[in-house]
Amino acid sequence: MKLKPCMLALLISASAWNSLPAYAQSTEQVNTASSAHFITLSQLIEVALNHDAQRQQFYAQAQATREMGIASATLMDPKLRMGVTGLPVDNFALDQDPMTNLSIGLMQQFERGNTLNLQQEKASQQADGIELQIAAREREVINRLTQLWLELGYQQHAERLLLANQKLMKELEGVIRTNYSIGKNEAQDLLNAQLLVSQLDEKQQANQQIQQRIVSQMSEWLGSEWLLKSAAFQATNQLDWQVLDQQLSTVSSHQYFSLLAQHPMVRIAEANIAVSQTQVKLAEQSYAPQFGIEVMYAYRQANNMKGEPASDLISAYLTMDIPLFTGNRQDRSHAAAQYQVGAAQSQKDLLLMQMNAQVNALLVDKTSLEQRLTHYQTMLKQARSRTRAVERGYQNSTAQFNDVISATRDELALELEQQRLLTDLNQTKSQLAMLLGGFRYTVGKPTLPTIHTHRF
């Protein structure tokens, strides 16, 4: 029995699938924006960012830190002092002894030097660092969703291919069964067809499992209700990286520090440096004395020695501590704060070096994948030419059926491997975009519930 080339390709496609990873990417790009029934990647990212609980967590922490900064920059509440002085214990009379008085006073403590302003400045810098974690989280979410989207695109394409092959293979199995009954096909051909149908069934089940797992992973940001909308996802394994390509074209060497300096994690490290520098200034304030004042008024009811009403009394005090012994306290605290500045600067330098190394490693992968894709284009042309030649030979009875299977299997395997490389290239670009700021998106600030500032 001579089979048409298209039927031959479908016959051995399941065998080619067995030789490749189950997570390989597809060749088809679906224009999701063209249909109102399909959900686009941009829509997923917008929903994910607007409903991301960790963004709200960071924003709430930043607001809490700012509020604490305002509170720490306020003087301590004054203390009220009330009492009786010089009260005779024999009769507890307030008008017997001129020294007896009812007193009331106020005490107020002041912070050292410019401590209050510096504490508020430090809290504001800490809040800025926490808010930068929101931007870092946004890049992380976008990259993760993009990676899943690229993978889902292939699985959906694979599902369509498997369903088409399954339908045609069942039809082909019926043809082979009929020919076998009249002696035109051998039993081996029928068994091979039945085996391929079973393999397609198993691959389809595995494909469904992978798709469901990917959508379940997306529900971390989208919510469980999105699991019911997975059929509306028409993903693709290729995206537009125009912004990233423009960024890479502006850098002529392997030094990407100018782009990495805008990364939220690097800016967080800079905020930590600023916090440490402010802490040094706070430590310097510990050398200044701390002042306090106290004012008291004493009311007397007794008469003086002349028989006249005794005059009321007023007292005023100024208190201060004198930092004389600074060797084991102020000096050590100041030195510790300076060391912390150096540690924060080293942390930023290390982070930049690590991120620059990551970018260079990803660029090596990107270049290698692009070169391999070019090479695969040539191999695919050769494989297609070989398949056509073998098919002609089989039709002319100069080639065996196994030769056709082998040639078509190799062609399909090369095509799928090419799409795997194409997907890997896009996933590599997604990681580069996360590091270099190649994503473009707009999202509003997280919203917080109304806070009641007054207890009573």
Protein backbone atom coordinates (compact mmCIF):
# COMPACT_ATOMS: atom_id res chain seq x y z
CA MET A 1 0.00 0.00 0.00
CA LYS A 2 1.38 3.39 -1.01
CA LEU A 3 0.46 6.23 1.31
CA LYS A 4 0.27 9.90 0.41
CA PRO A 5 3.07 12.09 1.86
CA CYS A 6 0.69 14.01 4.14
CA MET A 7 -0.67 10.77 5.55
CA LEU A 8 2.85 9.54 6.07
CA ALA A 9 3.77 12.63 8.04
CA LEU A 10 0.77 12.19 10.29
CA LEU A 11 1.52 8.53 10.70
CA ILE A 12 4.94 9.04 12.24
CA SER A 13 4.35 12.35 14.04
CA ALA A 14 3.57 10.55 17.29
CA SER A 15 6.91 8.78 17.11
CA ALA A 16 8.71 12.08 16.77
CA TRP A 17 6.91 13.40 19.83
CA ASN A 18 8.29 10.53 21.88
CA SER A 19 11.86 11.67 21.22
CA LEU A 20 11.36 15.24 22.54
CA PRO A 21 10.69 16.75 25.97
CA ALA A 22 7.04 17.15 26.81
CA TYR A 23 7.53 20.89 27.42
CA ALA A 24 8.85 21.79 23.95
CA GLN A 25 7.39 24.94 22.41
CA SER A 26 5.21 25.31 19.34
CA THR A 27 5.83 26.95 15.99
CA GLU A 28 2.53 28.77 15.85
CA GLN A 29 2.03 32.35 16.93
CA VAL A 30 -1.53 33.21 17.81
CA ASN A 31 -2.67 36.79 17.49
CA THR A 32 -4.58 36.95 20.75
CA ALA A 33 -5.41 40.63 20.44
CA SER A 34 -7.48 40.01 17.31
CA SER A 35 -10.28 38.22 19.15
CA ALA A 36 -12.39 39.62 21.95
CA HIS A 37 -12.93 36.08 23.24
CA PHE A 38 -9.25 35.52 24.00
CA ILE A 39 -7.28 36.84 26.94
CA THR A 40 -3.97 38.51 26.09
CA LEU A 41 -0.74 38.45 28.05
CA SER A 42 -1.03 42.19 28.69
CA GLN A 43 -4.44 41.67 30.27
CA LEU A 44 -3.09 38.89 32.47
CA ILE A 45 -0.21 41.06 33.63
CA GLU A 46 -2.51 43.98 34.41
CA VAL A 47 -4.86 41.79 36.45
CA ALA A 48 -1.98 40.04 38.21
CA LEU A 49 -0.29 43.28 39.26
CA ASN A 50 -3.49 44.94 40.42
CA HIS A 51 -4.39 41.94 42.58
CA ASP A 52 -0.94 40.97 43.81
CA ALA A 53 -1.08 40.69 47.59
CA GLN A 54 2.65 41.19 48.06
CA ARG A 55 2.54 44.59 46.35
CA GLN A 56 -0.14 45.61 48.84
CA GLN A 57 1.98 44.20 51.66
CA PHE A 58 5.02 46.27 50.67
CA TYR A 59 2.92 49.40 50.21
CA ALA A 60 1.33 48.96 53.64
CA GLN A 61 4.75 48.43 55.22
CA ALA A 62 6.06 51.58 53.54
CA GLN A 63 3.13 53.64 54.79
CA ALA A 64 3.56 52.20 58.28
CA THR A 65 7.24 53.14 58.27
CA ARG A 66 6.44 56.71 57.22
CA GLU A 67 3.87 57.04 59.98
CA MET A 68 6.37 55.72 62.51
CA GLY A 69 8.89 58.26 61.21
CA ILE A 70 6.49 61.10 61.92
CA ALA A 71 5.81 59.69 65.37
CA SER A 72 9.52 59.31 66.16
CA ALA A 73 10.18 62.91 65.07
CA THR A 74 7.83 64.28 67.74
CA LEU A 75 8.84 65.33 71.23
CA MET A 76 7.89 63.06 74.07
CA ASP A 77 4.68 63.98 75.87
CA PRO A 78 5.24 66.30 78.84
CA LYS A 79 4.88 64.82 82.32
CA LEU A 80 2.53 66.30 84.91
CA ARG A 81 3.69 66.27 88.53
CA MET A 82 1.28 66.87 91.43
CA GLY A 83 1.75 66.45 95.17
CA VAL A 84 1.93 67.81 98.71
CA THR A 85 5.19 68.97 100.28
CA GLY A 86 5.96 69.50 104.00
CA LEU A 87 2.72 68.05 105.34
CA PRO A 88 2.80 67.61 109.19
CA VAL A 89 2.05 64.06 110.21
CA ASP A 90 0.45 64.92 113.58
CA ASN A 91 -2.70 66.47 112.17
CA PHE A 92 -2.14 66.62 108.36
CA ALA A 93 -3.20 70.28 108.35
CA LEU A 94 -2.40 72.28 105.24
CA ASP A 95 -2.50 75.67 107.00
CA GLN A 96 -0.35 74.98 110.06
CA ASP A 97 3.23 74.99 108.73
CA PRO A 98 4.43 77.60 106.21
CA MET A 99 6.49 74.89 104.53
CA THR A 100 3.36 72.92 103.65
CA ASN A 101 2.24 73.46 100.06
CA LEU A 102 0.28 71.90 97.25
CA SER A 103 2.47 71.71 94.16
CA ILE A 104 1.86 71.08 90.48
CA GLY A 105 4.49 70.97 87.80
CA LEU A 106 5.30 70.10 84.18
CA MET A 107 8.39 68.30 82.89
CA GLN A 108 9.52 68.18 79.25
CA GLN A 109 12.43 66.15 77.85
CA PHE A 110 14.19 67.21 74.62
CA GLU A 111 16.11 64.95 72.26
CA ARG A 112 19.81 65.36 71.61
CA GLY A 113 20.83 67.77 68.90
CA ASN A 114 19.03 67.15 65.60
CA THR A 115 17.91 63.64 66.51
CA LEU A 116 14.21 64.16 65.77
CA ASN A 117 14.71 65.37 62.20
CA LEU A 118 17.26 62.66 61.51
CA GLN A 119 14.92 59.96 62.79
CA GLN A 120 12.20 61.12 60.43
CA GLU A 121 14.69 61.28 57.56
CA LYS A 122 15.83 57.73 58.30
CA ALA A 123 12.25 56.44 58.40
CA SER A 124 11.50 58.15 55.09
CA GLN A 125 14.56 56.52 53.50
CA GLN A 126 13.52 53.13 54.84
CA ALA A 127 10.02 53.63 53.43
CA ASP A 128 11.49 54.53 50.04
CA GLY A 129 13.43 51.28 50.08
CA ILE A 130 10.31 49.29 50.91
CA GLU A 131 8.36 50.97 48.10
CA LEU A 132 11.11 50.01 45.67
CA GLN A 133 10.36 46.40 46.54
CA ILE A 134 7.01 46.97 44.82
CA ALA A 135 8.80 47.67 41.53
CA ALA A 136 11.03 44.63 42.03
CA ARG A 137 7.97 42.50 42.67
CA GLU A 138 6.32 43.82 39.51
CA ARG A 139 9.28 42.77 37.38
CA GLU A 140 9.30 39.37 39.03
CA VAL A 141 5.59 38.80 38.39
CA ILE A 142 5.81 39.94 34.77
CA ASN A 143 8.78 37.69 34.07
CA ARG A 144 7.14 34.70 35.73
CA LEU A 145 3.86 35.17 33.86
CA THR A 146 5.73 35.64 30.59
CA GLN A 147 7.65 32.40 31.13
CA LEU A 148 4.42 30.51 31.80
CA TRP A 149 2.70 32.16 28.85
CA LEU A 150 5.44 31.05 26.45
CA GLU A 151 5.25 27.50 27.78
CA LEU A 152 1.46 27.43 27.62
CA GLY A 153 1.56 28.56 23.99
CA TYR A 154 3.39 25.44 22.97
CA GLN A 155 1.19 23.09 24.94
CA GLN A 156 -1.92 24.50 23.27
CA HIS A 157 -0.35 24.12 19.84
CA ALA A 158 0.73 20.60 20.73
CA GLU A 159 -2.83 19.79 21.77
CA ARG A 160 -4.20 20.89 18.41
CA LEU A 161 -1.57 18.84 16.63
CA LEU A 162 -2.28 15.77 18.75
CA LEU A 163 -6.04 16.01 18.19
CA ALA A 164 -5.60 16.32 14.43
CA ASN A 165 -3.19 13.40 14.36
CA GLN A 166 -5.47 11.33 16.55
CA LYS A 167 -8.40 11.82 14.20
CA LEU A 168 -6.42 11.01 11.09
CA MET A 169 -4.64 8.09 12.70
CA LYS A 170 -7.96 6.49 13.59
CA GLU A 171 -9.07 6.92 9.99
CA LEU A 172 -5.77 5.49 8.79
CA GLU A 173 -6.09 2.56 11.19
CA GLY A 174 -9.46 1.77 9.64
CA VAL A 175 -7.95 1.85 6.14
CA ILE A 176 -5.07 -0.42 7.17
CA ARG A 177 -7.50 -2.81 8.91
CA THR A 178 -9.57 -3.04 5.73
CA ASN A 179 -6.49 -3.62 3.56
CA TYR A 180 -5.19 -6.21 6.02
CA SER A 181 -8.44 -8.14 5.79
CA ILE A 182 -8.02 -8.43 2.01
CA GLY A 183 -4.30 -9.16 2.22
CA LYS A 184 -2.88 -5.82 1.05
CA ASN A 185 -1.20 -4.95 4.38
CA GLU A 186 0.74 -7.01 6.84
CA ALA A 187 -0.22 -7.51 10.48
CA GLN A 188 2.79 -5.44 11.51
CA ASP A 189 1.36 -2.36 9.78
CA LEU A 190 -1.93 -2.72 11.66
CA LEU A 191 -0.21 -3.20 15.01
CA ASN A 192 1.97 -0.13 14.38
CA ALA A 193 -1.11 1.97 13.61
CA GLN A 194 -2.90 0.79 16.76
CA LEU A 195 0.18 1.49 18.85
CA LEU A 196 0.48 5.02 17.45
CA VAL A 197 -3.18 5.73 18.27
CA SER A 198 -2.58 4.63 21.87
CA GLN A 199 0.55 6.77 22.07
CA LEU A 200 -1.41 9.79 20.85
CA ASP A 201 -4.03 9.21 23.54
CA GLU A 202 -1.34 9.09 26.24
CA LYS A 203 0.39 12.20 24.89
CA GLN A 204 -2.87 14.10 24.83
CA GLN A 205 -3.51 13.26 28.47
CA ALA A 206 0.01 14.34 29.41
CA ASN A 207 -0.49 17.56 27.46
CA GLN A 208 -3.70 18.34 29.34
CA GLN A 209 -1.94 17.74 32.63
CA ILE A 210 0.83 20.20 31.74
CA GLN A 211 -1.64 22.86 30.62
CA GLN A 212 -3.66 22.53 33.81
CA ARG A 213 -0.51 22.79 35.90
CA ILE A 214 0.59 25.96 34.08
CA VAL A 215 -2.82 27.60 34.52
CA SER A 216 -2.81 26.54 38.17
CA GLN A 217 0.54 28.26 38.63
CA MET A 218 -0.93 31.41 37.07
CA SER A 219 -3.70 31.37 39.67
CA GLU A 220 -1.12 32.51 42.24
CA TRP A 221 -1.57 36.02 40.84
CA LEU A 222 -4.86 35.75 38.96
CA GLY A 223 -6.98 33.96 41.55
CA SER A 224 -8.71 30.60 41.43
CA GLU A 225 -11.60 31.94 39.34
CA TRP A 226 -9.22 32.22 36.38
CA LEU A 227 -8.89 28.44 36.35
CA LEU A 228 -12.36 28.35 34.80
CA LYS A 229 -11.21 30.66 31.98
CA SER A 230 -8.20 28.64 30.88
CA ALA A 231 -9.92 27.82 27.58
CA ALA A 232 -9.74 31.53 26.70
CA PHE A 233 -5.93 31.51 26.86
CA GLN A 234 -4.45 31.51 23.35
CA ALA A 235 -0.77 31.85 24.09
CA THR A 236 2.30 32.04 21.86
CA ASN A 237 5.97 31.17 22.15
CA GLN A 238 7.17 34.44 20.57
CA LEU A 239 6.85 38.03 21.78
CA ASP A 240 7.91 41.47 20.65
CA TRP A 241 11.17 42.53 22.35
CA GLN A 242 11.67 45.88 20.62
CA VAL A 243 12.40 47.77 23.84
CA LEU A 244 14.96 45.22 24.99
CA ASP A 245 16.65 45.12 21.58
CA GLN A 246 16.98 48.91 21.61
CA GLN A 247 18.52 48.81 25.07
CA LEU A 248 21.05 46.17 24.08
CA SER A 249 22.00 48.07 20.93
CA THR A 250 23.00 51.14 22.98
CA VAL A 251 25.61 49.21 24.98
CA SER A 252 28.83 48.49 23.10
CA SER A 253 30.65 46.43 25.74
CA HIS A 254 29.95 43.89 28.45
CA GLN A 255 29.38 46.62 31.05
CA TYR A 256 25.68 47.09 31.72
CA PHE A 257 25.97 49.00 34.97
CA SER A 258 24.17 52.06 33.57
CA LEU A 259 21.07 49.97 32.86
CA LEU A 260 21.39 47.86 35.97
CA ALA A 261 21.62 50.99 38.13
CA GLN A 262 17.91 51.54 37.44
CA HIS A 263 16.98 48.07 38.68
CA PRO A 264 14.80 48.23 41.81
CA MET A 265 17.12 45.90 43.73
CA VAL A 266 20.09 48.21 43.08
CA ARG A 267 18.04 51.23 44.10
CA ILE A 268 17.06 49.38 47.28
CA ALA A 269 20.76 48.90 47.98
CA GLU A 270 21.28 52.64 47.47
CA ALA A 271 18.43 53.35 49.89
CA ASN A 272 20.13 51.10 52.44
CA ILE A 273 23.33 53.12 52.01
CA ALA A 274 21.40 56.33 52.65
CA VAL A 275 19.82 54.80 55.76
CA SER A 276 23.26 53.79 57.05
CA GLN A 277 24.65 57.27 56.42
CA THR A 278 21.76 58.80 58.34
CA GLN A 279 22.47 56.37 61.16
CA VAL A 280 26.01 57.76 61.31
CA LYS A 281 24.56 61.24 61.77
CA LEU A 282 22.30 59.91 64.49
CA ALA A 283 25.27 58.36 66.24
CA GLU A 284 27.03 61.73 66.14
CA GLN A 285 24.10 63.29 67.97
CA SER A 286 24.82 61.04 70.96
CA TYR A 287 27.80 63.29 71.78
CA ALA A 288 25.44 66.22 72.38
CA PRO A 289 23.89 66.66 75.85
CA GLN A 290 20.23 65.91 76.39
CA PHE A 291 18.21 68.68 78.02
CA GLY A 292 15.04 68.73 80.06
CA ILE A 293 13.08 71.45 81.83
CA GLU A 294 10.74 71.34 84.81
CA VAL A 295 8.47 74.12 86.10
CA MET A 296 6.53 73.80 89.38
CA TYR A 297 4.03 75.98 91.19
CA ALA A 298 3.45 75.57 94.99
CA TYR A 299 0.32 76.85 96.71
CA ARG A 300 0.56 77.58 100.48
CA GLN A 301 -2.36 78.13 102.90
CA ALA A 302 -0.45 78.79 106.14
CA ASN A 303 0.78 82.15 107.48
CA ASN A 304 4.39 83.12 107.79
CA MET A 305 6.15 84.07 111.00
CA LYS A 306 4.71 87.58 110.82
CA GLY A 307 1.18 86.24 110.72
CA GLU A 308 0.76 87.20 107.10
CA PRO A 309 -0.40 84.77 104.40
CA ALA A 310 2.64 82.93 103.09
CA SER A 311 3.50 83.64 99.48
CA ASP A 312 3.10 80.92 96.89
CA LEU A 313 6.26 79.46 95.38
CA ILE A 314 7.44 78.78 91.83
CA SER A 315 10.36 76.57 90.88
CA ALA A 316 12.17 76.00 87.56
CA TYR A 317 14.81 73.38 86.79
CA LEU A 318 17.06 72.65 83.84
CA THR A 319 18.46 69.13 83.57
CA MET A 320 21.02 67.74 81.18
CA ASP A 321 23.25 64.73 80.93
CA ILE A 322 26.93 65.21 80.17
CA PRO A 323 28.46 62.58 77.85
CA LEU A 324 31.89 62.50 79.46
CA PHE A 325 32.73 58.81 79.20
CA THR A 326 32.20 58.08 75.50
CA GLY A 327 34.82 55.38 74.94
CA ASN A 328 32.61 52.32 75.29
CA ARG A 329 29.28 53.77 74.25
CA GLN A 330 29.14 56.74 71.88
CA ASP A 331 32.47 56.00 70.20
CA ARG A 332 31.57 52.36 69.64
CA SER A 333 28.11 53.20 68.32
CA HIS A 334 29.58 55.75 65.92
CA ALA A 335 32.19 53.28 64.68
CA ALA A 336 29.53 50.59 64.19
CA ALA A 337 27.43 52.98 62.12
CA GLN A 338 30.41 53.81 59.91
CA TYR A 339 31.18 50.13 59.38
CA GLN A 340 27.56 49.61 58.38
CA VAL A 341 27.92 52.25 55.66
CA GLY A 342 30.87 50.36 54.23
CA ALA A 343 28.95 47.09 54.39
CA ALA A 344 25.98 48.62 52.55
CA GLN A 345 28.23 50.02 49.83
CA SER A 346 29.94 46.64 49.42
CA GLN A 347 26.54 44.99 49.18
CA LYS A 348 25.56 47.29 46.32
CA ASP A 349 28.85 46.69 44.49
CA LEU A 350 28.46 42.93 44.88
CA LEU A 351 24.88 43.07 43.64
CA LEU A 352 25.90 45.03 40.54
CA MET A 353 28.70 42.59 39.77
CA GLN A 354 26.39 39.60 40.18
CA MET A 355 23.67 41.12 38.02
CA ASN A 356 26.17 42.16 35.35
CA ALA A 357 27.47 38.58 35.29
CA GLN A 358 23.91 37.29 34.93
CA VAL A 359 23.30 39.62 32.00
CA ASN A 360 26.49 38.53 30.26
CA ALA A 361 25.64 34.86 30.81
CA LEU A 362 22.15 35.38 29.40
CA LEU A 363 23.59 37.22 26.41
CA VAL A 364 25.88 34.27 25.74
CA ASP A 365 22.82 32.03 25.76
CA LYS A 366 20.96 34.47 23.52
CA THR A 367 23.76 34.59 20.95
CA SER A 368 24.16 30.81 20.99
CA LEU A 369 20.44 30.24 20.56
CA GLU A 370 20.28 32.67 17.64
CA GLN A 371 23.19 30.92 15.95
CA ARG A 372 21.65 27.51 16.50
CA LEU A 373 18.33 28.71 15.11
CA THR A 374 20.10 29.85 11.95
CA HIS A 375 21.77 26.46 11.70
CA TYR A 376 18.43 24.71 12.19
CA GLN A 377 16.97 26.64 9.26
CA THR A 378 19.57 25.04 7.01
CA MET A 379 19.04 21.59 8.50
CA LEU A 380 15.27 21.89 8.07
CA LYS A 381 15.67 22.65 4.37
CA GLN A 382 17.90 19.62 4.02
CA ALA A 383 15.46 17.43 5.96
CA ARG A 384 12.51 18.52 3.81
CA SER A 385 14.43 17.83 0.63
CA ARG A 386 15.39 14.41 1.95
CA THR A 387 11.78 13.61 2.89
CA ARG A 388 10.48 14.54 -0.56
CA ALA A 389 13.17 12.43 -2.21
CA VAL A 390 12.39 9.40 -0.05
CA GLU A 391 8.66 9.79 -0.69
CA ARG A 392 9.27 9.83 -4.44
CA GLY A 393 11.45 6.76 -4.08
CA TYR A 394 8.75 4.97 -2.09
CA GLN A 395 6.14 5.81 -4.71
CA ASN A 396 8.50 4.44 -7.38
CA SER A 397 9.19 1.31 -5.27
CA THR A 398 12.88 2.23 -4.82
CA ALA A 399 12.61 3.00 -1.07
CA GLN A 400 11.18 1.15 1.88
CA PHE A 401 8.30 2.29 4.08
CA ASN A 402 10.67 2.46 7.05
CA ASP A 403 12.85 4.93 5.12
CA VAL A 404 9.87 7.24 4.71
CA ILE A 405 9.07 6.98 8.41
CA SER A 406 12.67 7.74 9.37
CA ALA A 407 12.94 10.76 7.05
CA THR A 408 9.64 12.28 8.12
CA ARG A 409 10.37 11.64 11.79
CA ASP A 410 13.71 13.43 11.49
CA GLU A 411 12.09 16.40 9.75
CA LEU A 412 9.39 16.78 12.38
CA ALA A 413 11.89 16.35 15.20
CA LEU A 414 14.07 19.10 13.75
CA GLU A 415 11.09 21.41 13.42
CA LEU A 416 10.03 20.85 17.02
CA GLU A 417 13.59 21.24 18.27
CA GLN A 418 13.78 24.52 16.39
CA GLN A 419 10.66 25.74 18.18
CA ARG A 420 12.18 24.64 21.49
CA LEU A 421 15.17 26.84 20.75
CA LEU A 422 12.89 29.67 19.70
CA THR A 423 11.01 29.41 22.99
CA ASP A 424 14.23 29.24 24.97
CA LEU A 425 15.37 32.38 23.18
CA ASN A 426 12.20 34.24 24.15
CA GLN A 427 12.44 33.05 27.73
CA THR A 428 16.05 34.21 27.84
CA LYS A 429 14.97 37.62 26.55
CA SER A 430 12.31 37.74 29.26
CA GLN A 431 14.98 37.25 31.92
CA LEU A 432 17.11 39.95 30.29
CA ALA A 433 14.12 42.30 30.25
CA MET A 434 13.62 41.70 33.97
CA LEU A 435 17.24 42.67 34.68
CA LEU A 436 17.59 45.55 32.23
CA GLY A 437 14.08 47.00 32.43
CA GLY A 438 12.87 45.82 29.04
CA PHE A 439 9.25 45.45 30.14
CA ARG A 440 6.81 48.28 29.53
CA TYR A 441 3.69 48.34 31.66
CA THR A 442 1.43 50.74 33.55
CA VAL A 443 -0.11 49.90 36.90
CA GLY A 444 -1.62 52.00 39.65
CA LYS A 445 -0.55 52.12 43.26
CA PRO A 446 -1.91 49.44 45.58
CA THR A 447 -4.98 50.42 47.56
CA LEU A 448 -5.24 50.10 51.31
CA PRO A 449 -8.29 50.03 53.59
CA THR A 450 -9.27 53.19 55.44
CA ILE A 451 -7.34 53.66 58.67
CA HIS A 452 -8.93 55.37 61.69
CA THR A 453 -6.20 57.53 63.21
CA HIS A 454 -8.14 58.49 66.34
CA ARG A 455 -8.88 55.85 68.91
CA PHE A 456 -11.63 57.76 70.69
